[in-house]
Amino acid sequence: MLDRILQKLGIKSIDDLKPAEKATWVAWSKVLGRQDVTIEDLKKLLPIELERANIELRNHENSAQKDSYYKAYCSLLATLTKMIVAPTQEREQLKAMLNQKYGIE
């Protein structure tokens, strides 16, 4: 997309851009090239963030406001994690039960 814009403007290469224009082009290309977050990304990120938030929550120097924030944040992260991993866990539990009961994998 950005290359077509450059062509439309008669610019053959990003090297022909001024420094400020080149910086804008690089920023735009990063945004356009960024992939959407996947469920797998969240499965990796949420437990790490939950552990970090729990560490912050155990800090005895927290103000009441900060303590309330981290309690709510931990609850949100735990709920999101459960929602994301529940289908996989339920599927694995059902497979294990069927395997045990019927000897099928």
N, C-alpha and C. Protein backbone atom coordinates (compact mmCIF):
# COMPACT_ATOMS: atom_id res chain seq x y z
N MET A 1 0.82 -1.18 0.00
CA MET A 1 0.00 0.00 0.00
C MET A 1 0.88 1.26 0.00
N LEU A 2 1.85 1.28 0.90
CA LEU A 2 2.71 2.47 0.98
C LEU A 2 3.54 2.63 -0.30
N ASP A 3 3.96 1.50 -0.88
CA ASP A 3 4.73 1.58 -2.12
C ASP A 3 3.89 2.20 -3.24
N ARG A 4 2.60 1.87 -3.27
CA ARG A 4 1.71 2.46 -4.29
C ARG A 4 1.55 3.95 -4.07
N ILE A 5 1.54 4.37 -2.81
CA ILE A 5 1.44 5.81 -2.52
C ILE A 5 2.69 6.52 -3.03
N LEU A 6 3.86 5.90 -2.75
CA LEU A 6 5.10 6.50 -3.25
C LEU A 6 5.09 6.60 -4.76
N GLN A 7 4.64 5.54 -5.44
CA GLN A 7 4.57 5.55 -6.91
C GLN A 7 3.64 6.65 -7.40
N LYS A 8 2.50 6.79 -6.74
CA LYS A 8 1.53 7.80 -7.13
C LYS A 8 2.11 9.21 -6.99
N LEU A 9 2.99 9.36 -5.99
CA LEU A 9 3.64 10.65 -5.79
C LEU A 9 4.88 10.83 -6.66
N GLY A 10 5.21 9.80 -7.43
CA GLY A 10 6.36 9.87 -8.31
C GLY A 10 7.69 9.65 -7.60
N ILE A 11 7.65 9.00 -6.46
CA ILE A 11 8.87 8.74 -5.69
C ILE A 11 9.25 7.28 -5.92
N LYS A 12 10.49 7.06 -6.34
CA LYS A 12 10.93 5.72 -6.69
C LYS A 12 11.37 4.90 -5.48
N SER A 13 11.88 5.55 -4.44
CA SER A 13 12.41 4.83 -3.29
C SER A 13 12.21 5.65 -2.03
N ILE A 14 12.15 4.96 -0.90
CA ILE A 14 12.03 5.71 0.36
C ILE A 14 13.29 6.52 0.64
N ASP A 15 14.38 6.16 -0.02
CA ASP A 15 15.62 6.91 0.14
C ASP A 15 15.49 8.32 -0.42
N ASP A 16 14.50 8.53 -1.29
CA ASP A 16 14.27 9.85 -1.87
C ASP A 16 13.48 10.76 -0.93
N LEU A 17 13.00 10.22 0.16
CA LEU A 17 12.22 11.02 1.11
C LEU A 17 13.12 11.83 2.02
N LYS A 18 12.58 12.95 2.50
CA LYS A 18 13.28 13.75 3.50
C LYS A 18 13.27 12.95 4.81
N PRO A 19 14.18 13.25 5.76
CA PRO A 19 14.24 12.49 7.01
C PRO A 19 12.92 12.40 7.75
N ALA A 20 12.19 13.50 7.85
CA ALA A 20 10.90 13.48 8.56
C ALA A 20 9.89 12.61 7.82
N GLU A 21 9.90 12.69 6.48
CA GLU A 21 8.99 11.87 5.68
C GLU A 21 9.35 10.38 5.80
N LYS A 22 10.63 10.12 5.83
CA LYS A 22 11.09 8.74 5.96
C LYS A 22 10.68 8.16 7.32
N ALA A 23 10.79 8.96 8.37
CA ALA A 23 10.38 8.52 9.71
C ALA A 23 8.89 8.22 9.73
N THR A 24 8.09 9.05 9.09
CA THR A 24 6.65 8.81 9.01
C THR A 24 6.38 7.53 8.23
N TRP A 25 7.08 7.33 7.12
CA TRP A 25 6.91 6.12 6.30
C TRP A 25 7.24 4.87 7.11
N VAL A 26 8.32 4.92 7.88
CA VAL A 26 8.72 3.77 8.71
C VAL A 26 7.64 3.50 9.77
N ALA A 27 7.14 4.55 10.42
CA ALA A 27 6.10 4.38 11.44
C ALA A 27 4.84 3.77 10.82
N TRP A 28 4.44 4.27 9.67
CA TRP A 28 3.25 3.75 9.00
C TRP A 28 3.44 2.29 8.59
N SER A 29 4.62 1.95 8.10
CA SER A 29 4.86 0.58 7.67
C SER A 29 4.84 -0.38 8.85
N LYS A 30 5.29 0.07 10.02
CA LYS A 30 5.21 -0.77 11.22
C LYS A 30 3.77 -1.04 11.60
N VAL A 31 2.93 -0.01 11.56
CA VAL A 31 1.52 -0.17 11.90
C VAL A 31 0.83 -1.09 10.91
N LEU A 32 1.07 -0.88 9.63
CA LEU A 32 0.41 -1.70 8.61
C LEU A 32 0.93 -3.14 8.60
N GLY A 33 2.15 -3.36 9.04
CA GLY A 33 2.73 -4.69 9.04
C GLY A 33 2.48 -5.49 10.30
N ARG A 34 1.93 -4.86 11.30
CA ARG A 34 1.70 -5.52 12.58
C ARG A 34 0.57 -6.54 12.44
N GLN A 35 0.79 -7.73 12.98
CA GLN A 35 -0.20 -8.79 12.95
C GLN A 35 -1.19 -8.63 14.10
N ASP A 36 -2.39 -9.17 13.91
CA ASP A 36 -3.38 -9.16 14.98
C ASP A 36 -2.93 -10.09 16.10
N VAL A 37 -3.36 -9.78 17.30
CA VAL A 37 -3.07 -10.61 18.45
C VAL A 37 -3.89 -11.89 18.32
N THR A 38 -3.24 -13.02 18.58
CA THR A 38 -3.92 -14.30 18.48
C THR A 38 -4.24 -14.83 19.88
N ILE A 39 -5.07 -15.86 19.93
CA ILE A 39 -5.38 -16.52 21.19
C ILE A 39 -4.10 -17.10 21.79
N GLU A 40 -3.23 -17.64 20.95
CA GLU A 40 -1.96 -18.18 21.43
C GLU A 40 -1.10 -17.10 22.07
N ASP A 41 -1.11 -15.91 21.48
CA ASP A 41 -0.38 -14.78 22.07
C ASP A 41 -0.92 -14.47 23.47
N LEU A 42 -2.23 -14.47 23.60
CA LEU A 42 -2.86 -14.19 24.89
C LEU A 42 -2.57 -15.29 25.91
N LYS A 43 -2.54 -16.54 25.45
CA LYS A 43 -2.23 -17.65 26.36
C LYS A 43 -0.82 -17.52 26.93
N LYS A 44 0.07 -16.91 26.18
CA LYS A 44 1.43 -16.68 26.66
C LYS A 44 1.52 -15.44 27.53
N LEU A 45 0.85 -14.38 27.12
CA LEU A 45 0.96 -13.09 27.78
C LEU A 45 0.23 -13.02 29.12
N LEU A 46 -1.00 -13.52 29.16
CA LEU A 46 -1.83 -13.34 30.35
C LEU A 46 -1.23 -13.94 31.62
N PRO A 47 -0.71 -15.17 31.60
CA PRO A 47 -0.10 -15.69 32.84
C PRO A 47 1.11 -14.87 33.31
N ILE A 48 1.88 -14.38 32.38
CA ILE A 48 3.04 -13.56 32.73
C ILE A 48 2.58 -12.26 33.38
N GLU A 49 1.57 -11.64 32.77
CA GLU A 49 1.05 -10.38 33.31
C GLU A 49 0.36 -10.60 34.65
N LEU A 50 -0.34 -11.73 34.81
CA LEU A 50 -0.99 -12.04 36.08
C LEU A 50 0.05 -12.21 37.19
N GLU A 51 1.14 -12.88 36.89
CA GLU A 51 2.21 -13.05 37.89
C GLU A 51 2.80 -11.70 38.27
N ARG A 52 3.03 -10.84 37.28
CA ARG A 52 3.56 -9.50 37.55
C ARG A 52 2.60 -8.70 38.42
N ALA A 53 1.31 -8.77 38.11
CA ALA A 53 0.31 -8.04 38.87
C ALA A 53 0.21 -8.58 40.30
N ASN A 54 0.33 -9.89 40.48
CA ASN A 54 0.30 -10.47 41.83
C ASN A 54 1.51 -10.03 42.65
N ILE A 55 2.65 -9.90 42.01
CA ILE A 55 3.85 -9.40 42.70
C ILE A 55 3.60 -7.96 43.16
N GLU A 56 3.04 -7.15 42.27
CA GLU A 56 2.71 -5.76 42.64
C GLU A 56 1.68 -5.72 43.77
N LEU A 57 0.73 -6.63 43.74
CA LEU A 57 -0.31 -6.67 44.76
C LEU A 57 0.25 -7.01 46.14
N ARG A 58 1.31 -7.79 46.18
CA ARG A 58 1.91 -8.18 47.47
C ARG A 58 2.84 -7.11 48.04
N ASN A 59 3.03 -6.01 47.34
CA ASN A 59 3.87 -4.92 47.81
C ASN A 59 3.17 -4.22 48.97
N HIS A 60 3.78 -4.26 50.15
CA HIS A 60 3.18 -3.68 51.35
C HIS A 60 3.17 -2.16 51.35
N GLU A 61 3.89 -1.55 50.44
CA GLU A 61 3.95 -0.10 50.38
C GLU A 61 2.86 0.49 49.48
N ASN A 62 1.99 -0.35 48.93
CA ASN A 62 0.93 0.14 48.05
C ASN A 62 -0.04 1.04 48.80
N SER A 63 -0.50 2.05 48.11
CA SER A 63 -1.59 2.87 48.65
C SER A 63 -2.88 2.07 48.53
N ALA A 64 -3.92 2.52 49.18
CA ALA A 64 -5.21 1.83 49.09
C ALA A 64 -5.72 1.82 47.65
N GLN A 65 -5.49 2.92 46.95
CA GLN A 65 -5.93 3.03 45.55
C GLN A 65 -5.17 2.04 44.66
N LYS A 66 -3.86 1.97 44.85
CA LYS A 66 -3.04 1.06 44.05
C LYS A 66 -3.40 -0.39 44.38
N ASP A 67 -3.65 -0.68 45.64
CA ASP A 67 -4.03 -2.01 46.06
C ASP A 67 -5.36 -2.42 45.41
N SER A 68 -6.32 -1.53 45.42
CA SER A 68 -7.62 -1.80 44.78
C SER A 68 -7.45 -2.03 43.29
N TYR A 69 -6.61 -1.21 42.67
CA TYR A 69 -6.36 -1.36 41.23
C TYR A 69 -5.81 -2.75 40.92
N TYR A 70 -4.79 -3.17 41.65
CA TYR A 70 -4.17 -4.46 41.36
C TYR A 70 -5.08 -5.64 41.71
N LYS A 71 -5.94 -5.49 42.70
CA LYS A 71 -6.92 -6.54 42.99
C LYS A 71 -7.87 -6.70 41.81
N ALA A 72 -8.36 -5.60 41.29
CA ALA A 72 -9.27 -5.64 40.14
C ALA A 72 -8.54 -6.15 38.90
N TYR A 73 -7.32 -5.70 38.70
CA TYR A 73 -6.52 -6.10 37.54
C TYR A 73 -6.24 -7.61 37.57
N CYS A 74 -5.88 -8.13 38.74
CA CYS A 74 -5.64 -9.57 38.89
C CYS A 74 -6.91 -10.35 38.60
N SER A 75 -8.02 -9.87 39.09
CA SER A 75 -9.30 -10.54 38.85
C SER A 75 -9.63 -10.56 37.36
N LEU A 76 -9.43 -9.44 36.69
CA LEU A 76 -9.67 -9.36 35.25
C LEU A 76 -8.77 -10.32 34.49
N LEU A 77 -7.48 -10.31 34.80
CA LEU A 77 -6.53 -11.19 34.12
C LEU A 77 -6.87 -12.66 34.34
N ALA A 78 -7.23 -13.01 35.56
CA ALA A 78 -7.58 -14.40 35.87
C ALA A 78 -8.84 -14.81 35.10
N THR A 79 -9.83 -13.93 35.04
CA THR A 79 -11.07 -14.23 34.32
C THR A 79 -10.80 -14.40 32.82
N LEU A 80 -10.03 -13.50 32.25
CA LEU A 80 -9.68 -13.61 30.82
C LEU A 80 -8.93 -14.90 30.53
N THR A 81 -8.00 -15.26 31.40
CA THR A 81 -7.23 -16.49 31.22
C THR A 81 -8.15 -17.70 31.25
N LYS A 82 -9.07 -17.74 32.22
CA LYS A 82 -10.01 -18.86 32.32
C LYS A 82 -10.86 -18.96 31.06
N MET A 83 -11.35 -17.83 30.57
CA MET A 83 -12.19 -17.83 29.38
C MET A 83 -11.43 -18.35 28.15
N ILE A 84 -10.17 -18.03 28.07
CA ILE A 84 -9.38 -18.40 26.90
C ILE A 84 -8.95 -19.85 26.94
N VAL A 85 -8.58 -20.35 28.12
CA VAL A 85 -8.07 -21.73 28.21
C VAL A 85 -9.16 -22.75 28.51
N ALA A 86 -10.35 -22.32 28.89
CA ALA A 86 -11.42 -23.25 29.26
C ALA A 86 -11.78 -24.22 28.14
N PRO A 87 -11.97 -23.79 26.89
CA PRO A 87 -12.33 -24.75 25.85
C PRO A 87 -11.28 -25.86 25.68
N THR A 88 -10.02 -25.50 25.74
CA THR A 88 -8.95 -26.50 25.62
C THR A 88 -8.98 -27.46 26.79
N GLN A 89 -9.12 -26.94 27.99
CA GLN A 89 -9.16 -27.78 29.19
C GLN A 89 -10.37 -28.71 29.17
N GLU A 90 -11.54 -28.18 28.79
CA GLU A 90 -12.74 -29.02 28.72
C GLU A 90 -12.58 -30.12 27.69
N ARG A 91 -12.02 -29.79 26.55
CA ARG A 91 -11.78 -30.76 25.49
C ARG A 91 -10.85 -31.87 25.97
N GLU A 92 -9.76 -31.48 26.64
CA GLU A 92 -8.79 -32.46 27.13
C GLU A 92 -9.40 -33.34 28.22
N GLN A 93 -10.21 -32.75 29.09
CA GLN A 93 -10.87 -33.54 30.14
C GLN A 93 -11.84 -34.54 29.53
N LEU A 94 -12.61 -34.11 28.52
CA LEU A 94 -13.55 -35.01 27.86
C LEU A 94 -12.80 -36.14 27.15
N LYS A 95 -11.72 -35.81 26.46
CA LYS A 95 -10.91 -36.85 25.80
C LYS A 95 -10.38 -37.86 26.81
N ALA A 96 -9.90 -37.37 27.95
CA ALA A 96 -9.37 -38.26 28.98
C ALA A 96 -10.47 -39.17 29.53
N MET A 97 -11.65 -38.62 29.76
CA MET A 97 -12.77 -39.42 30.27
C MET A 97 -13.18 -40.47 29.24
N LEU A 98 -13.29 -40.07 27.97
CA LEU A 98 -13.67 -41.02 26.92
C LEU A 98 -12.61 -42.10 26.76
N ASN A 99 -11.36 -41.71 26.84
CA ASN A 99 -10.28 -42.68 26.72
C ASN A 99 -10.33 -43.68 27.88
N GLN A 100 -10.58 -43.17 29.08
CA GLN A 100 -10.63 -44.03 30.25
C GLN A 100 -11.85 -44.97 30.17
N LYS A 101 -12.97 -44.43 29.78
CA LYS A 101 -14.22 -45.21 29.76
C LYS A 101 -14.28 -46.19 28.59
N TYR A 102 -13.82 -45.74 27.42
CA TYR A 102 -13.97 -46.56 26.21
C TYR A 102 -12.64 -47.04 25.63
N GLY A 103 -11.55 -46.60 26.21
CA GLY A 103 -10.24 -47.00 25.70
C GLY A 103 -9.95 -46.45 24.32
N ILE A 104 -10.53 -45.29 24.00
CA ILE A 104 -10.35 -44.66 22.69
C ILE A 104 -9.58 -43.36 22.87
N GLU A 105 -8.70 -43.09 21.92
CA GLU A 105 -7.97 -41.81 21.95
C GLU A 105 -8.42 -40.92 20.84
